[in-house]
Structure formats: structure tokens, C-alpha cells
Protein backbone atom coordinates (compact mmCIF):
# COMPACT_ATOMS: atom_id res chain seq x y z
CA ASP A 1 -15.23 10.28 6.36
CA ILE A 2 -16.04 6.78 5.09
CA SER A 3 -18.12 5.00 2.45
CA VAL A 4 -18.00 1.57 0.81
CA GLY A 5 -15.77 3.16 -1.85
CA GLY A 6 -13.09 4.52 0.44
CA MET A 7 -12.26 6.78 3.33
CA GLN A 8 -10.27 9.77 4.52
CA VAL A 9 -7.75 9.12 7.27
CA LEU A 10 -6.43 11.87 9.53
CA VAL A 11 -2.95 11.21 10.89
CA ASP A 12 0.00 13.46 11.77
CA ASP A 13 3.10 13.35 9.56
CA PHE A 14 1.84 10.63 7.22
CA PRO A 15 4.84 9.29 5.24
CA GLY A 16 2.91 7.67 2.35
CA MET A 17 2.70 8.74 -1.28
CA GLU A 18 -0.13 9.05 -3.81
CA ASN A 19 -0.85 5.82 -5.74
CA GLU A 20 0.82 3.75 -3.01
CA SER A 21 -1.03 0.52 -2.14
CA ILE A 22 -1.58 -0.10 1.57
CA SER A 23 -3.65 -2.23 3.93
CA ILE A 24 -5.16 -0.74 7.05
CA ASN A 25 -7.01 -2.00 10.09
CA VAL A 26 -10.03 0.27 10.55
CA HIS A 27 -11.63 0.45 13.97
CA PRO A 28 -13.94 3.36 14.71
CA GLU A 29 -14.65 4.18 18.34
CA ASN A 30 -17.25 1.42 18.39
CA THR A 31 -15.24 -1.78 17.81
CA ASP A 32 -18.35 -3.60 16.52
CA TYR A 33 -17.53 -2.06 13.14
CA HIS A 34 -13.86 -2.93 12.70
CA PHE A 35 -12.45 -4.36 9.47
CA VAL A 36 -9.28 -4.66 7.40
CA ALA A 37 -9.09 -3.06 3.96
CA SER A 38 -6.60 -2.87 1.14
CA GLY A 39 -6.51 0.02 -1.25
CA ARG A 40 -4.66 2.83 -2.93
CA ILE A 41 -3.84 6.31 -1.65
CA VAL A 42 -5.58 8.70 -4.03
CA ARG A 43 -4.78 12.03 -2.36
CA LEU A 44 -2.53 13.38 0.37
CA LEU A 45 -4.07 15.98 2.64
CA GLU A 46 -2.43 19.37 2.95
CA GLY A 47 0.27 19.71 5.57
CA GLY A 48 0.87 15.97 5.98
CA GLN A 49 -2.35 15.62 7.95
CA GLY A 50 -3.49 12.36 6.35
CA PHE A 51 -4.78 10.90 3.11
CA SER A 52 -7.76 9.78 1.07
CA PHE A 53 -7.85 6.05 0.45
CA ARG A 54 -9.84 4.13 -2.19
CA PHE A 55 -10.63 0.53 -1.33
CA THR A 56 -9.43 -2.05 -3.87
CA GLN A 57 -10.11 -5.17 -1.82
CA LEU A 58 -13.04 -5.07 0.56
CA SER A 59 -14.81 -8.20 1.76
CA GLU A 60 -18.57 -8.44 1.89
CA GLU A 61 -18.31 -8.52 5.69
CA SER A 62 -16.34 -5.26 5.62
CA LYS A 63 -18.95 -3.63 3.36
CA GLN A 64 -21.65 -4.69 5.82
CA SER A 65 -19.66 -3.22 8.73
CA ILE A 66 -19.36 0.11 6.90
CA THR A 67 -23.06 0.16 6.02
CA LYS A 68 -24.08 -0.61 9.61
CA TYR A 69 -21.68 2.03 10.94
CA LEU A 70 -23.12 4.67 8.60
CA GLU A 71 -26.69 3.75 9.54
CA ASN A 72 -25.88 4.21 13.24
CA ALA A 73 -23.64 7.28 12.97
């Protein structure tokens, strides 16, 4: 689940905490759409299965990658 505002990340046993700032390298199955984003964890998913992440620093190139990915998904 991704938009230019943020994304949900599924991962087992995620050790992060709400409001924590992190940077992540995002690379969907199609590597044409990869980018790096910084943001804040806004919600932890039940059972330690991942988190929701709001972008705080997203380059114009990253926004374009997300838009292209969504158009082709």
C-alpha cells in the first residue's frame, strides 16, 4: 500500500516504535520504481507485522517513481 503521502510496510517482528523517524530504501518487484524515503512511523500493525510510514522527505524523482508505479500497477 503506497501513495505519495506514505506507505504501509509488511515485515515480521518489526522492532520500531510509533513516531520514530526512519529512512528506507523502497524497491517494489519492478526495480524501475525504486527510491529512498525518510519519514515517521505513524502506526504499528497488530502482531508486529509491520508499520505505516508517512513520508517527511521525498524528492521529486521519488514522487514521480511512485506515480508511475501506481499508474502501472
